Amino acid sequence: MTHTLHRTGSLDSLKGDYVVLVISCRGFNDKGAAPDLAKALEIMERFNPANVGDMKTGSILTRGFNLRKILERVTDTSIIHAVYTEIESVRKALKALKEADLGMSVVVSGLYDQVARAVRMVGLKPHTVNISLGVWGRTDLLPKDSEAIDTLTMCGHALISRNLVYKLAKDVKRERIAPEEAGRILARCCTCGVFNPIRAAKLVEILSKRA
């Protein structure tokens, strides 16, 4: 799974952005996996995620949803996500998932050295490592501001408009909304739950100074 792999940003910014994904394996252990996936969601929610959800249902920041409603809708083929702003929270979540021994696949996206250290600390060994090689092609068509690109790449299914990002930056500049509210508005567009509203608030605030 690589839809969380291509998040861009500076090292300092990416140190506050980690995604943990839990999924069953189709044809191997997906039958009857719903209770284990729901348990994984409950475990990951304990460690103060910035966002959490099920790709098939939505996240806790989707309008009208909360953790209880998401748990009620977990299926055997759900894809569970949690986004953390601290690597220590990732380590604690991985430790708890290891102890629960649910038999599900776990994928962690983030800075390689940080994630690798956290994995080693809980006694796990990666099965596979994917590394993004960056953005290729007509990069001249991308937004001119790196902060806008960094914000957009936090939605792995490209459901956030660059126009919305810039509009919210202007609203922040005019003090119509706070940066934190801008982050939550953007997060509602990313239904699967991999968007980091806390990091987005910081990026939009930087953009607002140029708006």
N, C-alpha and C. Protein backbone atom coordinates (compact mmCIF):
# COMPACT_ATOMS: atom_id res chain seq x y z
N MET A 1 0.86 -1.20 0.00
CA MET A 1 0.00 0.00 0.00
C MET A 1 0.89 1.24 0.00
N THR A 2 0.73 2.11 -0.99
CA THR A 2 1.65 3.24 -1.12
C THR A 2 0.95 4.59 -1.17
N HIS A 3 -0.35 4.65 -0.89
CA HIS A 3 -1.02 5.94 -1.03
C HIS A 3 -0.64 6.91 0.09
N THR A 4 0.11 6.46 1.09
CA THR A 4 0.63 7.35 2.12
C THR A 4 2.13 7.59 1.95
N LEU A 5 2.70 7.10 0.85
CA LEU A 5 4.16 7.12 0.70
C LEU A 5 4.70 8.45 0.19
N HIS A 6 3.91 9.19 -0.55
CA HIS A 6 4.45 10.32 -1.30
C HIS A 6 4.19 11.67 -0.64
N ARG A 7 4.23 11.72 0.68
CA ARG A 7 4.06 12.97 1.40
C ARG A 7 5.36 13.76 1.32
N THR A 8 5.25 15.01 0.93
CA THR A 8 6.43 15.85 0.77
C THR A 8 6.59 16.78 1.95
N GLY A 9 7.78 17.37 2.08
CA GLY A 9 8.00 18.35 3.13
C GLY A 9 9.43 18.34 3.63
N SER A 10 9.73 19.31 4.47
CA SER A 10 11.05 19.37 5.10
C SER A 10 11.16 18.31 6.18
N LEU A 11 12.40 18.03 6.59
CA LEU A 11 12.59 17.05 7.65
C LEU A 11 11.88 17.46 8.93
N ASP A 12 11.98 18.73 9.28
CA ASP A 12 11.32 19.20 10.50
C ASP A 12 9.81 19.01 10.43
N SER A 13 9.24 19.30 9.27
CA SER A 13 7.80 19.16 9.12
C SER A 13 7.37 17.70 9.14
N LEU A 14 8.11 16.85 8.46
CA LEU A 14 7.74 15.44 8.38
C LEU A 14 7.99 14.69 9.69
N LYS A 15 8.76 15.27 10.59
CA LYS A 15 8.94 14.66 11.91
C LYS A 15 7.64 14.70 12.72
N GLY A 16 6.66 15.44 12.22
CA GLY A 16 5.37 15.49 12.89
C GLY A 16 4.26 14.82 12.10
N ASP A 17 4.62 13.81 11.30
CA ASP A 17 3.62 13.22 10.40
C ASP A 17 3.92 11.74 10.16
N TYR A 18 3.15 10.87 10.80
CA TYR A 18 3.33 9.42 10.64
C TYR A 18 1.97 8.76 10.48
N VAL A 19 1.88 7.82 9.55
CA VAL A 19 0.63 7.10 9.31
C VAL A 19 0.82 5.62 9.60
N VAL A 20 -0.12 5.05 10.35
CA VAL A 20 -0.13 3.61 10.61
C VAL A 20 -1.39 3.03 9.97
N LEU A 21 -1.22 2.00 9.18
CA LEU A 21 -2.31 1.37 8.44
C LEU A 21 -2.40 -0.09 8.85
N VAL A 22 -3.62 -0.59 9.06
CA VAL A 22 -3.84 -2.00 9.41
C VAL A 22 -4.85 -2.58 8.43
N ILE A 23 -4.53 -3.73 7.85
CA ILE A 23 -5.37 -4.32 6.81
C ILE A 23 -5.26 -5.83 6.83
N SER A 24 -6.33 -6.50 6.44
CA SER A 24 -6.30 -7.95 6.29
C SER A 24 -5.77 -8.29 4.90
N CYS A 25 -5.46 -9.55 4.68
CA CYS A 25 -4.93 -10.00 3.38
C CYS A 25 -6.02 -10.77 2.64
N ARG A 26 -6.44 -10.23 1.51
CA ARG A 26 -7.51 -10.85 0.75
C ARG A 26 -7.16 -12.28 0.33
N GLY A 27 -8.05 -13.19 0.63
CA GLY A 27 -7.85 -14.58 0.27
C GLY A 27 -7.00 -15.36 1.27
N PHE A 28 -6.51 -14.69 2.30
CA PHE A 28 -5.66 -15.35 3.30
C PHE A 28 -6.30 -15.28 4.69
N ASN A 29 -6.54 -14.05 5.19
CA ASN A 29 -7.15 -13.94 6.51
C ASN A 29 -8.24 -12.88 6.57
N ASP A 30 -8.83 -12.56 5.40
CA ASP A 30 -9.86 -11.52 5.40
C ASP A 30 -11.21 -12.01 5.91
N LYS A 31 -11.53 -13.27 5.76
CA LYS A 31 -12.79 -13.79 6.24
C LYS A 31 -12.85 -13.73 7.77
N GLY A 32 -13.80 -12.98 8.29
CA GLY A 32 -13.94 -12.87 9.75
C GLY A 32 -12.96 -11.90 10.39
N ALA A 33 -12.33 -11.04 9.57
CA ALA A 33 -11.30 -10.13 10.10
C ALA A 33 -11.88 -8.90 10.78
N ALA A 34 -13.15 -8.61 10.59
CA ALA A 34 -13.74 -7.37 11.10
C ALA A 34 -13.49 -7.14 12.60
N PRO A 35 -13.70 -8.12 13.47
CA PRO A 35 -13.44 -7.88 14.90
C PRO A 35 -11.99 -7.50 15.20
N ASP A 36 -11.05 -8.14 14.51
CA ASP A 36 -9.64 -7.83 14.74
C ASP A 36 -9.29 -6.43 14.21
N LEU A 37 -9.87 -6.05 13.09
CA LEU A 37 -9.62 -4.71 12.56
C LEU A 37 -10.23 -3.64 13.46
N ALA A 38 -11.41 -3.93 14.00
CA ALA A 38 -12.03 -3.00 14.95
C ALA A 38 -11.17 -2.87 16.21
N LYS A 39 -10.63 -3.99 16.65
CA LYS A 39 -9.74 -3.96 17.83
C LYS A 39 -8.49 -3.13 17.54
N ALA A 40 -7.95 -3.26 16.34
CA ALA A 40 -6.78 -2.47 15.95
C ALA A 40 -7.11 -0.99 15.97
N LEU A 41 -8.29 -0.63 15.51
CA LEU A 41 -8.72 0.76 15.51
C LEU A 41 -8.82 1.29 16.93
N GLU A 42 -9.39 0.50 17.82
CA GLU A 42 -9.49 0.91 19.22
C GLU A 42 -8.11 1.08 19.86
N ILE A 43 -7.19 0.18 19.53
CA ILE A 43 -5.83 0.27 20.06
C ILE A 43 -5.16 1.55 19.59
N MET A 44 -5.21 1.82 18.30
CA MET A 44 -4.51 2.98 17.76
C MET A 44 -5.12 4.29 18.26
N GLU A 45 -6.41 4.29 18.53
CA GLU A 45 -7.05 5.50 19.02
C GLU A 45 -6.59 5.87 20.42
N ARG A 46 -6.05 4.92 21.16
CA ARG A 46 -5.62 5.18 22.54
C ARG A 46 -4.39 6.07 22.62
N PHE A 47 -3.64 6.22 21.52
CA PHE A 47 -2.35 6.90 21.58
C PHE A 47 -2.39 8.28 20.92
N ASN A 48 -3.49 8.95 21.10
CA ASN A 48 -3.65 10.36 20.73
C ASN A 48 -3.35 10.64 19.26
N PRO A 49 -4.05 9.97 18.35
CA PRO A 49 -3.83 10.27 16.93
C PRO A 49 -4.42 11.62 16.54
N ALA A 50 -3.82 12.25 15.55
CA ALA A 50 -4.36 13.49 15.01
C ALA A 50 -5.59 13.20 14.15
N ASN A 51 -5.65 11.99 13.62
CA ASN A 51 -6.78 11.55 12.80
C ASN A 51 -6.79 10.03 12.81
N VAL A 52 -7.97 9.45 12.68
CA VAL A 52 -8.09 8.00 12.67
C VAL A 52 -9.38 7.64 11.96
N GLY A 53 -9.37 6.50 11.25
CA GLY A 53 -10.58 6.13 10.54
C GLY A 53 -10.45 4.85 9.75
N ASP A 54 -11.45 4.62 8.92
CA ASP A 54 -11.53 3.46 8.06
C ASP A 54 -11.74 3.97 6.64
N MET A 55 -10.88 3.57 5.72
CA MET A 55 -10.96 4.10 4.37
C MET A 55 -12.32 3.88 3.74
N LYS A 56 -13.02 2.82 4.10
CA LYS A 56 -14.31 2.51 3.51
C LYS A 56 -15.45 3.29 4.15
N THR A 57 -15.21 3.91 5.29
CA THR A 57 -16.28 4.60 6.02
C THR A 57 -16.03 6.08 6.16
N GLY A 58 -14.86 6.45 6.61
CA GLY A 58 -14.53 7.84 6.88
C GLY A 58 -13.65 7.94 8.11
N SER A 59 -13.33 9.16 8.50
CA SER A 59 -12.49 9.37 9.67
C SER A 59 -13.29 10.08 10.76
N ILE A 60 -12.67 10.26 11.90
CA ILE A 60 -13.35 10.95 13.00
C ILE A 60 -13.60 12.41 12.68
N LEU A 61 -12.96 12.91 11.62
CA LEU A 61 -13.16 14.30 11.21
C LEU A 61 -14.14 14.42 10.04
N THR A 62 -14.66 13.27 9.56
CA THR A 62 -15.71 13.31 8.56
C THR A 62 -16.99 13.81 9.23
N ARG A 63 -17.69 14.70 8.60
CA ARG A 63 -18.88 15.30 9.21
C ARG A 63 -19.90 14.22 9.61
N GLY A 64 -20.31 14.25 10.88
CA GLY A 64 -21.32 13.32 11.35
C GLY A 64 -20.78 12.01 11.87
N PHE A 65 -19.46 11.81 11.81
CA PHE A 65 -18.89 10.56 12.26
C PHE A 65 -18.12 10.73 13.57
N ASN A 66 -18.04 9.64 14.31
CA ASN A 66 -17.18 9.57 15.48
C ASN A 66 -16.64 8.14 15.54
N LEU A 67 -15.81 7.86 16.53
CA LEU A 67 -15.17 6.55 16.60
C LEU A 67 -16.20 5.43 16.70
N ARG A 68 -17.25 5.63 17.50
CA ARG A 68 -18.26 4.58 17.67
C ARG A 68 -18.91 4.22 16.35
N LYS A 69 -19.29 5.23 15.56
CA LYS A 69 -19.94 4.97 14.28
C LYS A 69 -19.00 4.25 13.32
N ILE A 70 -17.73 4.62 13.35
CA ILE A 70 -16.76 3.96 12.47
C ILE A 70 -16.60 2.50 12.87
N LEU A 71 -16.49 2.26 14.17
CA LEU A 71 -16.34 0.88 14.66
C LEU A 71 -17.52 0.01 14.26
N GLU A 72 -18.71 0.58 14.29
CA GLU A 72 -19.92 -0.18 13.93
C GLU A 72 -19.91 -0.59 12.47
N ARG A 73 -19.16 0.12 11.64
CA ARG A 73 -19.16 -0.12 10.19
C ARG A 73 -17.92 -0.86 9.70
N VAL A 74 -17.04 -1.27 10.60
CA VAL A 74 -15.84 -2.01 10.18
C VAL A 74 -16.23 -3.34 9.56
N THR A 75 -15.63 -3.66 8.41
CA THR A 75 -15.90 -4.92 7.72
C THR A 75 -14.62 -5.73 7.60
N ASP A 76 -14.74 -6.93 7.04
CA ASP A 76 -13.57 -7.79 6.87
C ASP A 76 -12.51 -7.16 5.96
N THR A 77 -12.93 -6.29 5.06
CA THR A 77 -11.99 -5.68 4.11
C THR A 77 -11.73 -4.20 4.40
N SER A 78 -12.04 -3.76 5.60
CA SER A 78 -11.75 -2.37 5.98
C SER A 78 -10.25 -2.12 5.96
N ILE A 79 -9.89 -0.86 5.76
CA ILE A 79 -8.49 -0.44 5.84
C ILE A 79 -8.42 0.63 6.91
N ILE A 80 -7.82 0.28 8.02
CA ILE A 80 -7.81 1.14 9.20
C ILE A 80 -6.57 2.04 9.18
N HIS A 81 -6.76 3.34 9.46
CA HIS A 81 -5.66 4.30 9.46
C HIS A 81 -5.62 5.07 10.77
N ALA A 82 -4.43 5.45 11.16
CA ALA A 82 -4.25 6.41 12.25
C ALA A 82 -3.05 7.29 11.89
N VAL A 83 -3.18 8.59 12.17
CA VAL A 83 -2.12 9.55 11.89
C VAL A 83 -1.62 10.11 13.21
N TYR A 84 -0.30 10.09 13.39
CA TYR A 84 0.30 10.58 14.63
C TYR A 84 1.26 11.73 14.34
N THR A 85 1.42 12.59 15.32
CA THR A 85 2.34 13.72 15.17
C THR A 85 3.66 13.48 15.90
N GLU A 86 3.75 12.38 16.64
CA GLU A 86 4.98 12.07 17.38
C GLU A 86 5.37 10.62 17.16
N ILE A 87 6.65 10.37 16.92
CA ILE A 87 7.12 9.01 16.70
C ILE A 87 6.96 8.15 17.95
N GLU A 88 6.96 8.76 19.12
CA GLU A 88 6.78 7.99 20.35
C GLU A 88 5.37 7.40 20.40
N SER A 89 4.39 8.12 19.89
CA SER A 89 3.03 7.58 19.82
C SER A 89 2.97 6.39 18.86
N VAL A 90 3.71 6.49 17.76
CA VAL A 90 3.79 5.37 16.82
C VAL A 90 4.40 4.16 17.51
N ARG A 91 5.47 4.37 18.24
CA ARG A 91 6.13 3.25 18.93
C ARG A 91 5.17 2.58 19.91
N LYS A 92 4.44 3.37 20.67
CA LYS A 92 3.50 2.82 21.65
C LYS A 92 2.37 2.05 20.96
N ALA A 93 1.89 2.61 19.84
CA ALA A 93 0.82 1.93 19.10
C ALA A 93 1.32 0.60 18.53
N LEU A 94 2.53 0.59 17.98
CA LEU A 94 3.09 -0.65 17.44
C LEU A 94 3.30 -1.70 18.54
N LYS A 95 3.75 -1.25 19.68
CA LYS A 95 3.95 -2.16 20.81
C LYS A 95 2.62 -2.80 21.22
N ALA A 96 1.57 -1.98 21.28
CA ALA A 96 0.26 -2.49 21.67
C ALA A 96 -0.30 -3.42 20.61
N LEU A 97 -0.11 -3.10 19.34
CA LEU A 97 -0.57 -3.98 18.27
C LEU A 97 0.18 -5.31 18.29
N LYS A 98 1.47 -5.26 18.56
CA LYS A 98 2.26 -6.49 18.64
C LYS A 98 1.75 -7.37 19.77
N GLU A 99 1.48 -6.76 20.92
CA GLU A 99 1.00 -7.52 22.08
C GLU A 99 -0.39 -8.10 21.83
N ALA A 100 -1.22 -7.38 21.05
CA ALA A 100 -2.56 -7.88 20.75
C ALA A 100 -2.52 -9.07 19.79
N ASP A 101 -1.48 -9.15 18.95
CA ASP A 101 -1.25 -10.27 18.05
C ASP A 101 -2.51 -10.59 17.23
N LEU A 102 -2.99 -9.61 16.49
CA LEU A 102 -4.24 -9.74 15.75
C LEU A 102 -4.09 -10.46 14.42
N GLY A 103 -2.86 -10.61 13.96
CA GLY A 103 -2.64 -11.30 12.70
C GLY A 103 -2.88 -10.46 11.46
N MET A 104 -3.01 -9.16 11.64
CA MET A 104 -3.25 -8.26 10.51
C MET A 104 -1.93 -7.66 10.01
N SER A 105 -1.92 -7.22 8.75
CA SER A 105 -0.76 -6.53 8.21
C SER A 105 -0.73 -5.09 8.72
N VAL A 106 0.45 -4.61 9.08
CA VAL A 106 0.61 -3.25 9.60
C VAL A 106 1.64 -2.53 8.74
N VAL A 107 1.28 -1.35 8.26
CA VAL A 107 2.17 -0.54 7.43
C VAL A 107 2.37 0.81 8.12
N VAL A 108 3.62 1.26 8.19
CA VAL A 108 3.92 2.55 8.80
C VAL A 108 4.59 3.43 7.77
N SER A 109 4.08 4.65 7.58
CA SER A 109 4.69 5.62 6.67
C SER A 109 5.26 6.78 7.46
N GLY A 110 6.44 7.22 7.08
CA GLY A 110 7.08 8.34 7.76
C GLY A 110 8.55 8.38 7.42
N LEU A 111 9.28 9.26 8.09
CA LEU A 111 10.73 9.34 7.87
C LEU A 111 11.37 7.99 8.19
N TYR A 112 12.18 7.50 7.24
CA TYR A 112 12.69 6.14 7.36
C TYR A 112 13.46 5.89 8.65
N ASP A 113 14.39 6.77 9.00
CA ASP A 113 15.21 6.52 10.18
C ASP A 113 14.36 6.51 11.45
N GLN A 114 13.37 7.40 11.52
CA GLN A 114 12.51 7.45 12.70
C GLN A 114 11.65 6.19 12.82
N VAL A 115 11.06 5.79 11.70
CA VAL A 115 10.21 4.60 11.72
C VAL A 115 11.03 3.34 12.00
N ALA A 116 12.18 3.22 11.36
CA ALA A 116 13.03 2.04 11.56
C ALA A 116 13.45 1.89 13.02
N ARG A 117 13.77 3.02 13.66
CA ARG A 117 14.15 2.98 15.07
C ARG A 117 12.98 2.54 15.95
N ALA A 118 11.80 3.07 15.67
CA ALA A 118 10.62 2.70 16.45
C ALA A 118 10.30 1.22 16.30
N VAL A 119 10.43 0.70 15.08
CA VAL A 119 10.16 -0.72 14.83
C VAL A 119 11.14 -1.60 15.59
N ARG A 120 12.41 -1.22 15.56
CA ARG A 120 13.42 -2.01 16.28
C ARG A 120 13.16 -1.98 17.79
N MET A 121 12.75 -0.85 18.30
CA MET A 121 12.55 -0.71 19.74
C MET A 121 11.44 -1.62 20.28
N VAL A 122 10.48 -1.98 19.43
CA VAL A 122 9.40 -2.86 19.89
C VAL A 122 9.64 -4.31 19.46
N GLY A 123 10.81 -4.59 18.89
CA GLY A 123 11.16 -5.96 18.55
C GLY A 123 10.51 -6.48 17.28
N LEU A 124 10.22 -5.59 16.34
CA LEU A 124 9.64 -6.00 15.08
C LEU A 124 10.66 -5.90 13.96
N LYS A 125 10.44 -6.66 12.89
CA LYS A 125 11.32 -6.63 11.74
C LYS A 125 10.48 -6.35 10.49
N PRO A 126 10.80 -5.31 9.73
CA PRO A 126 10.00 -4.98 8.53
C PRO A 126 10.01 -6.12 7.52
N HIS A 127 8.86 -6.37 6.92
CA HIS A 127 8.78 -7.35 5.83
C HIS A 127 9.21 -6.72 4.51
N THR A 128 8.79 -5.47 4.28
CA THR A 128 9.06 -4.77 3.04
C THR A 128 9.26 -3.29 3.33
N VAL A 129 10.13 -2.63 2.57
CA VAL A 129 10.33 -1.19 2.70
C VAL A 129 10.14 -0.55 1.33
N ASN A 130 9.23 0.42 1.24
CA ASN A 130 9.03 1.20 0.02
C ASN A 130 9.55 2.61 0.25
N ILE A 131 10.26 3.15 -0.71
CA ILE A 131 10.81 4.50 -0.59
C ILE A 131 10.38 5.33 -1.80
N SER A 132 9.83 6.51 -1.55
CA SER A 132 9.40 7.38 -2.64
C SER A 132 10.62 8.02 -3.30
N LEU A 133 10.60 8.08 -4.62
CA LEU A 133 11.69 8.71 -5.38
C LEU A 133 11.34 10.13 -5.78
N GLY A 134 10.27 10.66 -5.23
CA GLY A 134 9.92 12.05 -5.50
C GLY A 134 8.90 12.19 -6.61
N VAL A 135 8.72 13.42 -7.08
CA VAL A 135 7.72 13.75 -8.09
C VAL A 135 8.40 13.97 -9.43
N TRP A 136 7.88 13.29 -10.46
CA TRP A 136 8.47 13.38 -11.79
C TRP A 136 7.44 13.90 -12.78
N GLY A 137 7.88 14.34 -13.94
CA GLY A 137 6.96 14.79 -14.98
C GLY A 137 6.78 16.29 -14.98
N ARG A 138 5.57 16.75 -15.29
CA ARG A 138 5.27 18.16 -15.44
C ARG A 138 5.13 18.83 -14.07
N THR A 139 6.24 18.96 -13.40
CA THR A 139 6.22 19.58 -12.07
C THR A 139 5.87 21.07 -12.14
N ASP A 140 5.96 21.64 -13.35
CA ASP A 140 5.59 23.05 -13.50
C ASP A 140 4.09 23.28 -13.33
N LEU A 141 3.32 22.19 -13.37
CA LEU A 141 1.87 22.29 -13.18
C LEU A 141 1.48 22.24 -11.71
N LEU A 142 2.43 21.96 -10.84
CA LEU A 142 2.15 21.89 -9.41
C LEU A 142 2.04 23.30 -8.82
N PRO A 143 1.41 23.44 -7.66
CA PRO A 143 1.36 24.75 -6.99
C PRO A 143 2.77 25.28 -6.79
N LYS A 144 2.91 26.61 -6.82
CA LYS A 144 4.24 27.21 -6.70
C LYS A 144 4.77 27.15 -5.27
N ASP A 145 3.87 27.01 -4.30
CA ASP A 145 4.28 27.01 -2.89
C ASP A 145 4.47 25.58 -2.39
N SER A 146 5.63 25.31 -1.81
CA SER A 146 5.90 23.96 -1.31
C SER A 146 4.92 23.57 -0.20
N GLU A 147 4.49 24.55 0.59
CA GLU A 147 3.55 24.25 1.68
C GLU A 147 2.22 23.76 1.13
N ALA A 148 1.81 24.28 -0.03
CA ALA A 148 0.57 23.80 -0.65
C ALA A 148 0.73 22.36 -1.12
N ILE A 149 1.86 22.05 -1.74
CA ILE A 149 2.12 20.68 -2.18
C ILE A 149 2.18 19.75 -0.98
N ASP A 150 2.85 20.17 0.08
CA ASP A 150 2.96 19.35 1.28
C ASP A 150 1.58 19.05 1.86
N THR A 151 0.69 20.02 1.79
CA THR A 151 -0.68 19.82 2.28
C THR A 151 -1.44 18.85 1.40
N LEU A 152 -1.37 19.04 0.10
CA LEU A 152 -2.11 18.21 -0.84
C LEU A 152 -1.66 16.76 -0.81
N THR A 153 -0.37 16.50 -0.61
CA THR A 153 0.13 15.13 -0.64
C THR A 153 -0.20 14.35 0.62
N MET A 154 -0.81 15.01 1.60
CA MET A 154 -1.26 14.27 2.79
C MET A 154 -2.59 13.56 2.56
N CYS A 155 -3.22 13.81 1.41
CA CYS A 155 -4.41 13.06 1.02
C CYS A 155 -4.01 12.11 -0.08
N GLY A 156 -3.85 10.83 0.24
CA GLY A 156 -3.31 9.87 -0.71
C GLY A 156 -4.18 9.62 -1.93
N HIS A 157 -5.47 10.00 -1.87
CA HIS A 157 -6.36 9.79 -3.00
C HIS A 157 -6.67 11.09 -3.74
N ALA A 158 -5.90 12.13 -3.44
CA ALA A 158 -6.00 13.41 -4.16
C ALA A 158 -7.42 13.99 -4.16
N LEU A 159 -8.03 14.03 -2.99
CA LEU A 159 -9.40 14.54 -2.86
C LEU A 159 -9.45 16.01 -2.41
N ILE A 160 -8.28 16.64 -2.24
CA ILE A 160 -8.25 18.02 -1.77
C ILE A 160 -7.82 18.95 -2.91
N SER A 161 -8.57 20.01 -3.09
CA SER A 161 -8.30 20.98 -4.14
C SER A 161 -7.26 22.00 -3.69
N ARG A 162 -6.34 22.32 -4.60
CA ARG A 162 -5.37 23.38 -4.29
C ARG A 162 -6.09 24.70 -4.05
N ASN A 163 -7.21 24.91 -4.74
CA ASN A 163 -7.96 26.16 -4.57
C ASN A 163 -8.50 26.29 -3.15
N LEU A 164 -8.91 25.16 -2.57
CA LEU A 164 -9.40 25.19 -1.19
C LEU A 164 -8.26 25.54 -0.23
N VAL A 165 -7.09 24.97 -0.48
CA VAL A 165 -5.94 25.27 0.37
C VAL A 165 -5.63 26.76 0.37
N TYR A 166 -5.58 27.35 -0.82
CA TYR A 166 -5.26 28.78 -0.92
C TYR A 166 -6.41 29.65 -0.37
N LYS A 167 -7.65 29.21 -0.57
CA LYS A 167 -8.78 29.96 -0.03
C LYS A 167 -8.74 29.99 1.49
N LEU A 168 -8.42 28.86 2.10
CA LEU A 168 -8.33 28.80 3.57
C LEU A 168 -7.16 29.63 4.08
N ALA A 169 -6.06 29.65 3.32
CA ALA A 169 -4.92 30.48 3.71
C ALA A 169 -5.33 31.95 3.75
N LYS A 170 -6.12 32.37 2.77
CA LYS A 170 -6.61 33.75 2.76
C LYS A 170 -7.56 34.02 3.93
N ASP A 171 -8.39 33.03 4.25
CA ASP A 171 -9.32 33.18 5.38
C ASP A 171 -8.56 33.31 6.69
N VAL A 172 -7.46 32.56 6.80
CA VAL A 172 -6.63 32.66 8.01
C VAL A 172 -5.99 34.04 8.09
N LYS A 173 -5.48 34.52 6.97
CA LYS A 173 -4.85 35.84 6.94
C LYS A 173 -5.84 36.92 7.36
N ARG A 174 -7.09 36.80 6.92
CA ARG A 174 -8.11 37.80 7.23
C ARG A 174 -8.76 37.55 8.60
N GLU A 175 -8.25 36.53 9.31
CA GLU A 175 -8.71 36.17 10.65
C GLU A 175 -10.18 35.77 10.67
N ARG A 176 -10.64 35.18 9.57
CA ARG A 176 -11.99 34.64 9.51
C ARG A 176 -12.07 33.29 10.20
N ILE A 177 -10.98 32.54 10.12
CA ILE A 177 -10.88 31.25 10.81
C ILE A 177 -9.48 31.12 11.38
N ALA A 178 -9.32 30.21 12.33
CA ALA A 178 -8.01 29.90 12.90
C ALA A 178 -7.34 28.83 12.04
N PRO A 179 -6.02 28.75 12.05
CA PRO A 179 -5.33 27.71 11.29
C PRO A 179 -5.81 26.30 11.65
N GLU A 180 -6.12 26.09 12.92
CA GLU A 180 -6.57 24.76 13.36
C GLU A 180 -7.89 24.37 12.69
N GLU A 181 -8.79 25.35 12.52
CA GLU A 181 -10.05 25.07 11.84
C GLU A 181 -9.81 24.78 10.36
N ALA A 182 -8.87 25.49 9.76
CA ALA A 182 -8.52 25.22 8.37
C ALA A 182 -8.03 23.78 8.21
N GLY A 183 -7.22 23.32 9.15
CA GLY A 183 -6.73 21.94 9.11
C GLY A 183 -7.87 20.94 9.19
N ARG A 184 -8.85 21.21 10.04
CA ARG A 184 -10.00 20.30 10.18
C ARG A 184 -10.88 20.30 8.93
N ILE A 185 -11.05 21.46 8.32
CA ILE A 185 -11.84 21.54 7.08
C ILE A 185 -11.20 20.71 5.98
N LEU A 186 -9.90 20.82 5.83
CA LEU A 186 -9.20 20.04 4.82
C LEU A 186 -9.28 18.55 5.12
N ALA A 187 -9.20 18.19 6.39
CA ALA A 187 -9.23 16.79 6.77
C ALA A 187 -10.56 16.13 6.41
N ARG A 188 -11.64 16.89 6.41
CA ARG A 188 -12.95 16.33 6.08
C ARG A 188 -13.01 15.86 4.63
N CYS A 189 -12.18 16.43 3.77
CA CYS A 189 -12.16 16.04 2.37
C CYS A 189 -11.49 14.68 2.17
N CYS A 190 -10.60 14.32 3.06
CA CYS A 190 -9.83 13.07 2.96
C CYS A 190 -10.56 12.02 3.78
N THR A 191 -11.45 11.27 3.13
CA THR A 191 -12.38 10.40 3.87
C THR A 191 -11.71 9.20 4.55
N CYS A 192 -10.59 8.74 4.02
CA CYS A 192 -10.02 7.52 4.60
C CYS A 192 -9.30 7.76 5.92
N GLY A 193 -8.93 8.99 6.20
CA GLY A 193 -8.35 9.28 7.51
C GLY A 193 -6.86 9.42 7.58
N VAL A 194 -6.17 9.51 6.43
CA VAL A 194 -4.71 9.62 6.47
C VAL A 194 -4.22 11.06 6.52
N PHE A 195 -5.12 12.02 6.47
CA PHE A 195 -4.74 13.43 6.46
C PHE A 195 -4.41 13.89 7.87
N ASN A 196 -3.35 14.71 7.98
CA ASN A 196 -2.89 15.20 9.28
C ASN A 196 -3.33 16.65 9.46
N PRO A 197 -4.42 16.90 10.20
CA PRO A 197 -4.94 18.27 10.34
C PRO A 197 -4.02 19.18 11.14
N ILE A 198 -3.25 18.62 12.05
CA ILE A 198 -2.35 19.44 12.86
C ILE A 198 -1.20 19.97 12.02
N ARG A 199 -0.61 19.11 11.23
CA ARG A 199 0.46 19.56 10.32
C ARG A 199 -0.11 20.52 9.28
N ALA A 200 -1.31 20.24 8.78
CA ALA A 200 -1.94 21.10 7.78
C ALA A 200 -2.15 22.51 8.33
N ALA A 201 -2.55 22.61 9.59
CA ALA A 201 -2.76 23.93 10.20
C ALA A 201 -1.48 24.75 10.17
N LYS A 202 -0.36 24.12 10.45
CA LYS A 202 0.92 24.82 10.44
C LYS A 202 1.29 25.26 9.02
N LEU A 203 1.02 24.39 8.04
CA LEU A 203 1.37 24.71 6.66
C LEU A 203 0.48 25.84 6.12
N VAL A 204 -0.81 25.79 6.44
CA VAL A 204 -1.73 26.84 5.99
C VAL A 204 -1.37 28.17 6.64
N GLU A 205 -0.94 28.13 7.88
CA GLU A 205 -0.56 29.37 8.56
C GLU A 205 0.64 30.02 7.87
N ILE A 206 1.60 29.20 7.43
CA ILE A 206 2.75 29.72 6.69
C ILE A 206 2.28 30.33 5.37
N LEU A 207 1.38 29.62 4.66
CA LEU A 207 0.84 30.12 3.39
C LEU A 207 0.08 31.43 3.58
N SER A 208 -0.59 31.58 4.71
CA SER A 208 -1.40 32.76 4.95
C SER A 208 -0.56 34.03 4.99
N LYS A 209 0.68 33.89 5.34
CA LYS A 209 1.56 35.07 5.41
C LYS A 209 1.91 35.58 4.02
N ARG A 210 1.68 34.77 2.98
CA ARG A 210 1.95 35.18 1.60
C ARG A 210 0.67 35.46 0.82
N ALA A 211 -0.47 35.11 1.42
CA ALA A 211 -1.75 35.22 0.71
C ALA A 211 -2.13 36.67 0.44
